Amino acid sequence: MQTTNTKAFAPKKKWSDEEVKIFFSLLPKYGSDFKQYVQHLNRTYSQIKSFYHNYLRRHGMGKVGESVQKIEHDTSNQIKQLQSNQETNIYSSQLNKEAAQMLGSLMDIMFNLQQ
């Protein structure tokens, strides 16, 4: 009995100069978020990921790849912290406005009671 593999595989083909150029133009923006590259290249997620890692290995840039991933991780954490701080600042500003309004109302009440 002959079995067939039902998974579809993209045929292997050499990356064109244009594909390589597009990949490296996207690298600063997307880093190792390979899902994003699929939208711009006629390649599968696996092909893009393999190209990235093979390129780094061939050019002795394994440490660079690790550094890029660390920078991406650190940057992501910094962005999350800034967003959290911004949300806290907005909330704090709203509380300050509400406190000022309440203080104004209290002062009006106290002024009216003294009359």
PDB file of N, CA and C in Angstrom:
ATOM      1  N   MET A   1       0.838  -1.184   0.000  1.00  0.00           N
ATOM      2  CA  MET A   1       0.000   0.000   0.000  1.00  0.00           C
ATOM      3  C   MET A   1       0.876   1.238   0.000  1.00  0.00           C
ATOM      4  N   GLN A   2       0.617   2.124  -0.905  1.00  0.00           N
ATOM      5  CA  GLN A   2       1.415   3.330  -1.033  1.00  0.00           C
ATOM      6  C   GLN A   2       0.720   4.472  -0.293  1.00  0.00           C
ATOM      7  N   THR A   3       1.488   5.165   0.521  1.00  0.00           N
ATOM      8  CA  THR A   3       0.915   6.311   1.227  1.00  0.00           C
ATOM      9  C   THR A   3       1.439   7.587   0.593  1.00  0.00           C
ATOM     10  N   THR A   4       0.623   8.581   0.648  1.00  0.00           N
ATOM     11  CA  THR A   4       1.048   9.873   0.103  1.00  0.00           C
ATOM     12  C   THR A   4       1.026  10.901   1.213  1.00  0.00           C
ATOM     13  N   ASN A   5       1.914  11.796   1.109  1.00  0.00           N
ATOM     14  CA  ASN A   5       1.980  12.884   2.075  1.00  0.00           C
ATOM     15  C   ASN A   5       1.034  13.978   1.598  1.00  0.00           C
ATOM     16  N   THR A   6       0.080  14.340   2.436  1.00  0.00           N
ATOM     17  CA  THR A   6      -0.927  15.318   2.009  1.00  0.00           C
ATOM     18  C   THR A   6      -0.513  16.756   2.285  1.00  0.00           C
ATOM     19  N   LYS A   7       0.618  16.932   2.967  1.00  0.00           N
ATOM     20  CA  LYS A   7       1.067  18.295   3.234  1.00  0.00           C
ATOM     21  C   LYS A   7       1.611  18.917   1.954  1.00  0.00           C
ATOM     22  N   ALA A   8       1.279  20.168   1.762  1.00  0.00           N
ATOM     23  CA  ALA A   8       1.785  20.886   0.590  1.00  0.00           C
ATOM     24  C   ALA A   8       3.099  21.567   0.972  1.00  0.00           C
ATOM     25  N   PHE A   9       4.103  21.366   0.183  1.00  0.00           N
ATOM     26  CA  PHE A   9       5.392  21.993   0.420  1.00  0.00           C
ATOM     27  C   PHE A   9       5.695  22.941  -0.729  1.00  0.00           C
ATOM     28  N   ALA A  10       6.250  24.076  -0.367  1.00  0.00           N
ATOM     29  CA  ALA A  10       6.674  25.014  -1.402  1.00  0.00           C
ATOM     30  C   ALA A  10       7.960  24.470  -2.011  1.00  0.00           C
ATOM     31  N   PRO A  11       8.068  24.516  -3.314  1.00  0.00           N
ATOM     32  CA  PRO A  11       9.285  23.996  -3.940  1.00  0.00           C
ATOM     33  C   PRO A  11      10.490  24.850  -3.538  1.00  0.00           C
ATOM     34  N   LYS A  12      11.642  24.176  -3.393  1.00  0.00           N
ATOM     35  CA  LYS A  12      12.856  24.913  -3.060  1.00  0.00           C
ATOM     36  C   LYS A  12      13.308  25.671  -4.291  1.00  0.00           C
ATOM     37  N   LYS A  13      13.601  26.922  -4.087  1.00  0.00           N
ATOM     38  CA  LYS A  13      14.178  27.704  -5.169  1.00  0.00           C
ATOM     39  C   LYS A  13      15.090  28.746  -4.552  1.00  0.00           C
ATOM     40  N   LYS A  14      16.090  29.114  -5.295  1.00  0.00           N
ATOM     41  CA  LYS A  14      17.062  30.088  -4.815  1.00  0.00           C
ATOM     42  C   LYS A  14      16.375  31.441  -4.638  1.00  0.00           C
ATOM     43  N   TRP A  15      16.752  32.120  -3.588  1.00  0.00           N
ATOM     44  CA  TRP A  15      16.196  33.452  -3.356  1.00  0.00           C
ATOM     45  C   TRP A  15      16.763  34.400  -4.410  1.00  0.00           C
ATOM     46  N   SER A  16      15.904  35.166  -5.019  1.00  0.00           N
ATOM     47  CA  SER A  16      16.354  36.138  -6.017  1.00  0.00           C
ATOM     48  C   SER A  16      17.002  37.325  -5.300  1.00  0.00           C
ATOM     49  N   ASP A  17      17.764  38.093  -6.056  1.00  0.00           N
ATOM     50  CA  ASP A  17      18.376  39.299  -5.488  1.00  0.00           C
ATOM     51  C   ASP A  17      17.305  40.241  -4.953  1.00  0.00           C
ATOM     52  N   GLU A  18      16.189  40.310  -5.658  1.00  0.00           N
ATOM     53  CA  GLU A  18      15.087  41.188  -5.239  1.00  0.00           C
ATOM     54  C   GLU A  18      14.484  40.719  -3.911  1.00  0.00           C
ATOM     55  N   GLU A  19      14.301  39.403  -3.760  1.00  0.00           N
ATOM     56  CA  GLU A  19      13.761  38.869  -2.504  1.00  0.00           C
ATOM     57  C   GLU A  19      14.707  39.154  -1.338  1.00  0.00           C
ATOM     58  N   VAL A  20      15.994  38.967  -1.581  1.00  0.00           N
ATOM     59  CA  VAL A  20      16.989  39.232  -0.539  1.00  0.00           C
ATOM     60  C   VAL A  20      16.967  40.715  -0.168  1.00  0.00           C
ATOM     61  N   LYS A  21      16.878  41.557  -1.171  1.00  0.00           N
ATOM     62  CA  LYS A  21      16.833  43.009  -0.951  1.00  0.00           C
ATOM     63  C   LYS A  21      15.598  43.384  -0.118  1.00  0.00           C
ATOM     64  N   ILE A  22      14.457  42.821  -0.464  1.00  0.00           N
ATOM     65  CA  ILE A  22      13.218  43.091   0.280  1.00  0.00           C
ATOM     66  C   ILE A  22      13.357  42.586   1.711  1.00  0.00           C
ATOM     67  N   PHE A  23      13.888  41.364   1.860  1.00  0.00           N
ATOM     68  CA  PHE A  23      14.055  40.791   3.199  1.00  0.00           C
ATOM     69  C   PHE A  23      14.874  41.731   4.083  1.00  0.00           C
ATOM     70  N   PHE A  24      16.018  42.184   3.576  1.00  0.00           N
ATOM     71  CA  PHE A  24      16.886  43.031   4.398  1.00  0.00           C
ATOM     72  C   PHE A  24      16.320  44.434   4.595  1.00  0.00           C
ATOM     73  N   SER A  25      15.459  44.867   3.702  1.00  0.00           N
ATOM     74  CA  SER A  25      14.811  46.168   3.931  1.00  0.00           C
ATOM     75  C   SER A  25      13.765  46.061   5.043  1.00  0.00           C
ATOM     76  N   LEU A  26      13.210  44.862   5.226  1.00  0.00           N
ATOM     77  CA  LEU A  26      12.202  44.639   6.269  1.00  0.00           C
ATOM     78  C   LEU A  26      12.820  44.263   7.615  1.00  0.00           C
ATOM     79  N   LEU A  27      14.056  43.797   7.594  1.00  0.00           N
ATOM     80  CA  LEU A  27      14.707  43.299   8.808  1.00  0.00           C
ATOM     81  C   LEU A  27      14.717  44.310   9.957  1.00  0.00           C
ATOM     82  N   PRO A  28      15.069  45.588   9.727  1.00  0.00           N
ATOM     83  CA  PRO A  28      15.056  46.529  10.859  1.00  0.00           C
ATOM     84  C   PRO A  28      13.662  46.728  11.454  1.00  0.00           C
ATOM     85  N   LYS A  29      12.649  46.612  10.620  1.00  0.00           N
ATOM     86  CA  LYS A  29      11.278  46.844  11.086  1.00  0.00           C
ATOM     87  C   LYS A  29      10.707  45.628  11.810  1.00  0.00           C
ATOM     88  N   TYR A  30      10.925  44.428  11.261  1.00  0.00           N
ATOM     89  CA  TYR A  30      10.278  43.232  11.788  1.00  0.00           C
ATOM     90  C   TYR A  30      11.194  42.315  12.591  1.00  0.00           C
ATOM     91  N   GLY A  31      12.506  42.472  12.451  1.00  0.00           N
ATOM     92  CA  GLY A  31      13.421  41.602  13.194  1.00  0.00           C
ATOM     93  C   GLY A  31      13.149  40.144  12.893  1.00  0.00           C
ATOM     94  N   SER A  32      12.914  39.351  13.936  1.00  0.00           N
ATOM     95  CA  SER A  32      12.668  37.917  13.733  1.00  0.00           C
ATOM     96  C   SER A  32      11.180  37.573  13.810  1.00  0.00           C
ATOM     97  N   ASP A  33      10.321  38.545  13.565  1.00  0.00           N
ATOM     98  CA  ASP A  33       8.871  38.293  13.505  1.00  0.00           C
ATOM     99  C   ASP A  33       8.542  37.855  12.076  1.00  0.00           C
ATOM    100  N   PHE A  34       8.839  36.596  11.778  1.00  0.00           N
ATOM    101  CA  PHE A  34       8.796  36.089  10.408  1.00  0.00           C
ATOM    102  C   PHE A  34       7.402  36.112   9.791  1.00  0.00           C
ATOM    103  N   LYS A  35       6.374  36.126  10.605  1.00  0.00           N
ATOM    104  CA  LYS A  35       5.004  36.175  10.072  1.00  0.00           C
ATOM    105  C   LYS A  35       4.789  37.444   9.250  1.00  0.00           C
ATOM    106  N   GLN A  36       5.455  38.515   9.643  1.00  0.00           N
ATOM    107  CA  GLN A  36       5.293  39.788   8.943  1.00  0.00           C
ATOM    108  C   GLN A  36       5.896  39.751   7.532  1.00  0.00           C
ATOM    109  N   TYR A  37       6.975  39.002   7.370  1.00  0.00           N
ATOM    110  CA  TYR A  37       7.658  38.935   6.078  1.00  0.00           C
ATOM    111  C   TYR A  37       6.794  38.247   5.018  1.00  0.00           C
ATOM    112  N   VAL A  38       5.976  37.299   5.462  1.00  0.00           N
ATOM    113  CA  VAL A  38       5.149  36.514   4.533  1.00  0.00           C
ATOM    114  C   VAL A  38       4.272  37.436   3.691  1.00  0.00           C
ATOM    115  N   GLN A  39       3.847  38.555   4.272  1.00  0.00           N
ATOM    116  CA  GLN A  39       2.982  39.495   3.551  1.00  0.00           C
ATOM    117  C   GLN A  39       3.713  40.198   2.409  1.00  0.00           C
ATOM    118  N   HIS A  40       5.041  40.245   2.492  1.00  0.00           N
ATOM    119  CA  HIS A  40       5.818  41.008   1.518  1.00  0.00           C
ATOM    120  C   HIS A  40       6.613  40.136   0.547  1.00  0.00           C
ATOM    121  N   LEU A  41       6.807  38.879   0.909  1.00  0.00           N
ATOM    122  CA  LEU A  41       7.607  37.978   0.080  1.00  0.00           C
ATOM    123  C   LEU A  41       6.772  36.779  -0.347  1.00  0.00           C
ATOM    124  N   ASN A  42       7.057  36.260  -1.492  1.00  0.00           N
ATOM    125  CA  ASN A  42       6.357  35.068  -1.969  1.00  0.00           C
ATOM    126  C   ASN A  42       7.070  33.833  -1.418  1.00  0.00           C
ATOM    127  N   ARG A  43       7.156  33.789  -0.075  1.00  0.00           N
ATOM    128  CA  ARG A  43       7.832  32.708   0.632  1.00  0.00           C
ATOM    129  C   ARG A  43       6.995  32.299   1.830  1.00  0.00           C
ATOM    130  N   THR A  44       7.197  31.051   2.269  1.00  0.00           N
ATOM    131  CA  THR A  44       6.481  30.572   3.449  1.00  0.00           C
ATOM    132  C   THR A  44       7.211  31.044   4.706  1.00  0.00           C
ATOM    133  N   TYR A  45       6.514  30.957   5.815  1.00  0.00           N
ATOM    134  CA  TYR A  45       7.092  31.292   7.118  1.00  0.00           C
ATOM    135  C   TYR A  45       8.379  30.497   7.337  1.00  0.00           C
ATOM    136  N   SER A  46       8.331  29.194   7.067  1.00  0.00           N
ATOM    137  CA  SER A  46       9.496  28.321   7.286  1.00  0.00           C
ATOM    138  C   SER A  46      10.667  28.703   6.394  1.00  0.00           C
ATOM    139  N   GLN A  47      10.378  29.046   5.146  1.00  0.00           N
ATOM    140  CA  GLN A  47      11.449  29.443   4.231  1.00  0.00           C
ATOM    141  C   GLN A  47      12.131  30.720   4.721  1.00  0.00           C
ATOM    142  N   ILE A  48      11.329  31.650   5.185  1.00  0.00           N
ATOM    143  CA  ILE A  48      11.875  32.924   5.655  1.00  0.00           C
ATOM    144  C   ILE A  48      12.712  32.708   6.912  1.00  0.00           C
ATOM    145  N   LYS A  49      12.194  31.921   7.829  1.00  0.00           N
ATOM    146  CA  LYS A  49      12.918  31.632   9.073  1.00  0.00           C
ATOM    147  C   LYS A  49      14.238  30.920   8.765  1.00  0.00           C
ATOM    148  N   SER A  50      14.193  29.942   7.866  1.00  0.00           N
ATOM    149  CA  SER A  50      15.411  29.217   7.488  1.00  0.00           C
ATOM    150  C   SER A  50      16.426  30.143   6.838  1.00  0.00           C
ATOM    151  N   PHE A  51      15.956  31.006   5.945  1.00  0.00           N
ATOM    152  CA  PHE A  51      16.855  31.950   5.280  1.00  0.00           C
ATOM    153  C   PHE A  51      17.556  32.823   6.315  1.00  0.00           C
ATOM    154  N   TYR A  52      16.789  33.335   7.258  1.00  0.00           N
ATOM    155  CA  TYR A  52      17.326  34.211   8.308  1.00  0.00           C
ATOM    156  C   TYR A  52      18.434  33.498   9.084  1.00  0.00           C
ATOM    157  N   HIS A  53      18.129  32.298   9.585  1.00  0.00           N
ATOM    158  CA  HIS A  53      19.107  31.576  10.404  1.00  0.00           C
ATOM    159  C   HIS A  53      20.291  31.076   9.576  1.00  0.00           C
ATOM    160  N   ASN A  54      20.045  30.614   8.352  1.00  0.00           N
ATOM    161  CA  ASN A  54      21.138  30.157   7.493  1.00  0.00           C
ATOM    162  C   ASN A  54      22.058  31.310   7.120  1.00  0.00           C
ATOM    163  N   TYR A  55      21.500  32.456   6.837  1.00  0.00           N
ATOM    164  CA  TYR A  55      22.305  33.620   6.478  1.00  0.00           C
ATOM    165  C   TYR A  55      23.222  33.996   7.641  1.00  0.00           C
ATOM    166  N   LEU A  56      22.653  34.038   8.846  1.00  0.00           N
ATOM    167  CA  LEU A  56      23.465  34.389  10.013  1.00  0.00           C
ATOM    168  C   LEU A  56      24.583  33.373  10.234  1.00  0.00           C
ATOM    169  N   ARG A  57      24.255  32.097  10.092  1.00  0.00           N
ATOM    170  CA  ARG A  57      25.250  31.042  10.307  1.00  0.00           C
ATOM    171  C   ARG A  57      26.351  31.113   9.239  1.00  0.00           C
ATOM    172  N   ARG A  58      25.964  31.278   7.977  1.00  0.00           N
ATOM    173  CA  ARG A  58      26.940  31.322   6.880  1.00  0.00           C
ATOM    174  C   ARG A  58      27.893  32.500   7.005  1.00  0.00           C
ATOM    175  N   HIS A  59      27.395  33.583   7.533  1.00  0.00           N
ATOM    176  CA  HIS A  59      28.209  34.792   7.620  1.00  0.00           C
ATOM    177  C   HIS A  59      28.789  35.002   9.017  1.00  0.00           C
ATOM    178  N   GLY A  60      28.776  33.945   9.828  1.00  0.00           N
ATOM    179  CA  GLY A  60      29.364  34.014  11.157  1.00  0.00           C
ATOM    180  C   GLY A  60      28.726  35.060  12.045  1.00  0.00           C
ATOM    181  N   MET A  61      27.419  35.225  11.873  1.00  0.00           N
ATOM    182  CA  MET A  61      26.728  36.283  12.597  1.00  0.00           C
ATOM    183  C   MET A  61      25.773  35.731  13.646  1.00  0.00           C
ATOM    184  N   GLY A  62      26.036  34.526  14.119  1.00  0.00           N
ATOM    185  CA  GLY A  62      25.160  33.940  15.126  1.00  0.00           C
ATOM    186  C   GLY A  62      24.985  34.838  16.330  1.00  0.00           C
ATOM    187  N   LYS A  63      26.088  35.423  16.784  1.00  0.00           N
ATOM    188  CA  LYS A  63      26.026  36.325  17.939  1.00  0.00           C
ATOM    189  C   LYS A  63      25.238  37.581  17.594  1.00  0.00           C
ATOM    190  N   VAL A  64      25.357  38.035  16.349  1.00  0.00           N
ATOM    191  CA  VAL A  64      24.593  39.209  15.926  1.00  0.00           C
ATOM    192  C   VAL A  64      23.105  38.898  15.983  1.00  0.00           C
ATOM    193  N   GLY A  65      22.736  37.703  15.512  1.00  0.00           N
ATOM    194  CA  GLY A  65      21.328  37.300  15.551  1.00  0.00           C
ATOM    195  C   GLY A  65      20.806  37.258  16.973  1.00  0.00           C
ATOM    196  N   GLU A  66      21.633  36.721  17.879  1.00  0.00           N
ATOM    197  CA  GLU A  66      21.228  36.683  19.286  1.00  0.00           C
ATOM    198  C   GLU A  66      21.089  38.096  19.836  1.00  0.00           C
ATOM    199  N   SER A  67      22.013  38.974  19.439  1.00  0.00           N
ATOM    200  CA  SER A  67      21.949  40.367  19.895  1.00  0.00           C
ATOM    201  C   SER A  67      20.707  41.056  19.364  1.00  0.00           C
ATOM    202  N   VAL A  68      20.375  40.793  18.100  1.00  0.00           N
ATOM    203  CA  VAL A  68      19.173  41.388  17.508  1.00  0.00           C
ATOM    204  C   VAL A  68      17.944  40.938  18.288  1.00  0.00           C
ATOM    205  N   GLN A  69      17.872  39.646  18.599  1.00  0.00           N
ATOM    206  CA  GLN A  69      16.723  39.136  19.343  1.00  0.00           C
ATOM    207  C   GLN A  69      16.662  39.737  20.742  1.00  0.00           C
ATOM    208  N   LYS A  70      17.813  39.927  21.391  1.00  0.00           N
ATOM    209  CA  LYS A  70      17.833  40.532  22.722  1.00  0.00           C
ATOM    210  C   LYS A  70      17.380  41.989  22.634  1.00  0.00           C
ATOM    211  N   ILE A  71      17.867  42.708  21.633  1.00  0.00           N
ATOM    212  CA  ILE A  71      17.467  44.109  21.456  1.00  0.00           C
ATOM    213  C   ILE A  71      15.971  44.198  21.199  1.00  0.00           C
ATOM    214  N   GLU A  72      15.449  43.297  20.345  1.00  0.00           N
ATOM    215  CA  GLU A  72      14.006  43.289  20.074  1.00  0.00           C
ATOM    216  C   GLU A  72      13.228  43.062  21.364  1.00  0.00           C
ATOM    217  N   HIS A  73      13.685  42.099  22.172  1.00  0.00           N
ATOM    218  CA  HIS A  73      13.006  41.775  23.434  1.00  0.00           C
ATOM    219  C   HIS A  73      13.058  42.971  24.387  1.00  0.00           C
ATOM    220  N   ASP A  74      14.256  43.564  24.539  1.00  0.00           N
ATOM    221  CA  ASP A  74      14.413  44.710  25.438  1.00  0.00           C
ATOM    222  C   ASP A  74      13.577  45.894  24.974  1.00  0.00           C
ATOM    223  N   THR A  75      13.580  46.145  23.669  1.00  0.00           N
ATOM    224  CA  THR A  75      12.802  47.252  23.118  1.00  0.00           C
ATOM    225  C   THR A  75      11.321  47.032  23.349  1.00  0.00           C
ATOM    226  N   SER A  76      10.870  45.813  23.134  1.00  0.00           N
ATOM    227  CA  SER A  76       9.460  45.484  23.360  1.00  0.00           C
ATOM    228  C   SER A  76       9.077  45.745  24.814  1.00  0.00           C
ATOM    229  N   ASN A  77       9.947  45.329  25.735  1.00  0.00           N
ATOM    230  CA  ASN A  77       9.677  45.565  27.158  1.00  0.00           C
ATOM    231  C   ASN A  77       9.660  47.055  27.484  1.00  0.00           C
ATOM    232  N   GLN A  78      10.571  47.819  26.877  1.00  0.00           N
ATOM    233  CA  GLN A  78      10.610  49.264  27.117  1.00  0.00           C
ATOM    234  C   GLN A  78       9.347  49.933  26.596  1.00  0.00           C
ATOM    235  N   ILE A  79       8.888  49.509  25.433  1.00  0.00           N
ATOM    236  CA  ILE A  79       7.661  50.074  24.862  1.00  0.00           C
ATOM    237  C   ILE A  79       6.479  49.771  25.772  1.00  0.00           C
ATOM    238  N   LYS A  80       6.393  48.537  26.254  1.00  0.00           N
ATOM    239  CA  LYS A  80       5.298  48.168  27.164  1.00  0.00           C
ATOM    240  C   LYS A  80       5.344  49.013  28.431  1.00  0.00           C
ATOM    241  N   GLN A  81       6.553  49.238  28.965  1.00  0.00           N
ATOM    242  CA  GLN A  81       6.698  50.045  30.177  1.00  0.00           C
ATOM    243  C   GLN A  81       6.282  51.489  29.911  1.00  0.00           C
ATOM    244  N   LEU A  82       6.694  52.041  28.760  1.00  0.00           N
ATOM    245  CA  LEU A  82       6.312  53.414  28.417  1.00  0.00           C
ATOM    246  C   LEU A  82       4.803  53.539  28.261  1.00  0.00           C
ATOM    247  N   GLN A  83       4.186  52.547  27.613  1.00  0.00           N
ATOM    248  CA  GLN A  83       2.732  52.572  27.454  1.00  0.00           C
ATOM    249  C   GLN A  83       2.051  52.504  28.809  1.00  0.00           C
ATOM    250  N   SER A  84       2.575  51.674  29.695  1.00  0.00           N
ATOM    251  CA  SER A  84       2.014  51.560  31.039  1.00  0.00           C
ATOM    252  C   SER A  84       2.165  52.880  31.792  1.00  0.00           C
ATOM    253  N   ASN A  85       3.350  53.490  31.677  1.00  0.00           N
ATOM    254  CA  ASN A  85       3.584  54.783  32.329  1.00  0.00           C
ATOM    255  C   ASN A  85       2.658  55.852  31.767  1.00  0.00           C
ATOM    256  N   GLN A  86       2.469  55.836  30.455  1.00  0.00           N
ATOM    257  CA  GLN A  86       1.595  56.818  29.817  1.00  0.00           C
ATOM    258  C   GLN A  86       0.164  56.644  30.320  1.00  0.00           C
ATOM    259  N   GLU A  87      -0.292  55.402  30.409  1.00  0.00           N
ATOM    260  CA  GLU A  87      -1.642  55.143  30.916  1.00  0.00           C
ATOM    261  C   GLU A  87      -1.760  55.596  32.372  1.00  0.00           C
ATOM    262  N   THR A  88      -0.709  55.355  33.162  1.00  0.00           N
ATOM    263  CA  THR A  88      -0.703  55.783  34.561  1.00  0.00           C
ATOM    264  C   THR A  88      -0.750  57.303  34.647  1.00  0.00           C
ATOM    265  N   ASN A  89       0.031  57.978  33.791  1.00  0.00           N
ATOM    266  CA  ASN A  89       0.039  59.444  33.792  1.00  0.00           C
ATOM    267  C   ASN A  89      -1.317  60.008  33.403  1.00  0.00           C
ATOM    268  N   ILE A  90      -1.968  59.403  32.424  1.00  0.00           N
ATOM    269  CA  ILE A  90      -3.296  59.858  32.001  1.00  0.00           C
ATOM    270  C   ILE A  90      -4.284  59.670  33.142  1.00  0.00           C
ATOM    271  N   TYR A  91      -4.237  58.512  33.799  1.00  0.00           N
ATOM    272  CA  TYR A  91      -5.135  58.222  34.916  1.00  0.00           C
ATOM    273  C   TYR A  91      -4.875  59.199  36.061  1.00  0.00           C
ATOM    274  N   SER A  92      -3.596  59.444  36.347  1.00  0.00           N
ATOM    275  CA  SER A  92      -3.220  60.372  37.416  1.00  0.00           C
ATOM    276  C   SER A  92      -3.715  61.778  37.105  1.00  0.00           C
ATOM    277  N   SER A  93      -3.593  62.186  35.857  1.00  0.00           N
ATOM    278  CA  SER A  93      -4.068  63.506  35.436  1.00  0.00           C
ATOM    279  C   SER A  93      -5.577  63.617  35.622  1.00  0.00           C
ATOM    280  N   GLN A  94      -6.302  62.570  35.270  1.00  0.00           N
ATOM    281  CA  GLN A  94      -7.759  62.565  35.443  1.00  0.00           C
ATOM    282  C   GLN A  94      -8.122  62.650  36.920  1.00  0.00           C
ATOM    283  N   LEU A  95      -7.387  61.919  37.761  1.00  0.00           N
ATOM    284  CA  LEU A  95      -7.641  61.968  39.203  1.00  0.00           C
ATOM    285  C   LEU A  95      -7.376  63.363  39.758  1.00  0.00           C
ATOM    286  N   ASN A  96      -6.307  63.999  39.283  1.00  0.00           N
ATOM    287  CA  ASN A  96      -5.994  65.352  39.742  1.00  0.00           C
ATOM    288  C   ASN A  96      -7.101  66.327  39.364  1.00  0.00           C
ATOM    289  N   LYS A  97      -7.641  66.203  38.156  1.00  0.00           N
ATOM    290  CA  LYS A  97      -8.739  67.077  37.723  1.00  0.00           C
ATOM    291  C   LYS A  97      -9.972  66.857  38.594  1.00  0.00           C
ATOM    292  N   GLU A  98     -10.283  65.588  38.844  1.00  0.00           N
ATOM    293  CA  GLU A  98     -11.448  65.264  39.673  1.00  0.00           C
ATOM    294  C   GLU A  98     -11.254  65.771  41.101  1.00  0.00           C
ATOM    295  N   ALA A  99     -10.037  65.624  41.628  1.00  0.00           N
ATOM    296  CA  ALA A  99      -9.752  66.102  42.987  1.00  0.00           C
ATOM    297  C   ALA A  99      -9.894  67.618  43.053  1.00  0.00           C
ATOM    298  N   ALA A 100      -9.418  68.319  42.029  1.00  0.00           N
ATOM    299  CA  ALA A 100      -9.536  69.781  42.001  1.00  0.00           C
ATOM    300  C   ALA A 100     -11.004  70.197  41.944  1.00  0.00           C
ATOM    301  N   GLN A 101     -11.806  69.484  41.156  1.00  0.00           N
ATOM    302  CA  GLN A 101     -13.239  69.793  41.077  1.00  0.00           C
ATOM    303  C   GLN A 101     -13.915  69.543  42.426  1.00  0.00           C
ATOM    304  N   MET A 102     -13.559  68.440  43.071  1.00  0.00           N
ATOM    305  CA  MET A 102     -14.150  68.127  44.378  1.00  0.00           C
ATOM    306  C   MET A 102     -13.734  69.161  45.421  1.00  0.00           C
ATOM    307  N   LEU A 103     -12.481  69.584  45.386  1.00  0.00           N
ATOM    308  CA  LEU A 103     -12.005  70.599  46.318  1.00  0.00           C
ATOM    309  C   LEU A 103     -12.745  71.909  46.093  1.00  0.00           C
ATOM    310  N   GLY A 104     -12.931  72.259  44.823  1.00  0.00           N
ATOM    311  CA  GLY A 104     -13.691  73.471  44.503  1.00  0.00           C
ATOM    312  C   GLY A 104     -15.112  73.383  45.034  1.00  0.00           C
ATOM    313  N   SER A 105     -15.750  72.245  44.865  1.00  0.00           N
ATOM    314  CA  SER A 105     -17.116  72.057  45.367  1.00  0.00           C
ATOM    315  C   SER A 105     -17.151  72.145  46.887  1.00  0.00           C
ATOM    316  N   LEU A 106     -16.174  71.544  47.553  1.00  0.00           N
ATOM    317  CA  LEU A 106     -16.100  71.605  49.014  1.00  0.00           C
ATOM    318  C   LEU A 106     -15.923  73.043  49.496  1.00  0.00           C
ATOM    319  N   MET A 107     -15.084  73.776  48.806  1.00  0.00           N
ATOM    320  CA  MET A 107     -14.857  75.175  49.185  1.00  0.00           C
ATOM    321  C   MET A 107     -16.132  75.988  49.009  1.00  0.00           C
ATOM    322  N   ASP A 108     -16.883  75.725  47.944  1.00  0.00           N
ATOM    323  CA  ASP A 108     -18.163  76.415  47.731  1.00  0.00           C
ATOM    324  C   ASP A 108     -19.121  76.103  48.870  1.00  0.00           C
ATOM    325  N   ILE A 109     -19.191  74.831  49.242  1.00  0.00           N
ATOM    326  CA  ILE A 109     -20.092  74.420  50.331  1.00  0.00           C
ATOM    327  C   ILE A 109     -19.683  75.104  51.635  1.00  0.00           C
ATOM    328  N   MET A 110     -18.385  75.092  51.943  1.00  0.00           N
ATOM    329  CA  MET A 110     -17.906  75.716  53.177  1.00  0.00           C
ATOM    330  C   MET A 110     -18.178  77.217  53.170  1.00  0.00           C
ATOM    331  N   PHE A 111     -17.975  77.858  52.023  1.00  0.00           N
ATOM    332  CA  PHE A 111     -18.229  79.294  51.906  1.00  0.00           C
ATOM    333  C   PHE A 111     -19.705  79.583  52.148  1.00  0.00           C
ATOM    334  N   ASN A 112     -20.582  78.754  51.563  1.00  0.00           N
ATOM    335  CA  ASN A 112     -22.025  78.947  51.727  1.00  0.00           C
ATOM    336  C   ASN A 112     -22.458  78.690  53.167  1.00  0.00           C
ATOM    337  N   LEU A 113     -21.821  77.775  53.865  1.00  0.00           N
ATOM    338  CA  LEU A 113     -22.158  77.490  55.255  1.00  0.00           C
ATOM    339  C   LEU A 113     -21.761  78.645  56.176  1.00  0.00           C
ATOM    340  N   GLN A 114     -20.699  79.339  55.833  1.00  0.00           N
ATOM    341  CA  GLN A 114     -20.232  80.440  56.663  1.00  0.00           C
ATOM    342  C   GLN A 114     -21.116  81.676  56.523  1.00  0.00           C
ATOM    343  N   GLN A 115     -21.876  81.771  55.495  1.00  0.00           N
ATOM    344  CA  GLN A 115     -22.704  82.965  55.285  1.00  0.00           C
ATOM    345  C   GLN A 115     -23.967  82.898  56.052  1.00  0.00           C
TER     346      GLN A 115
END
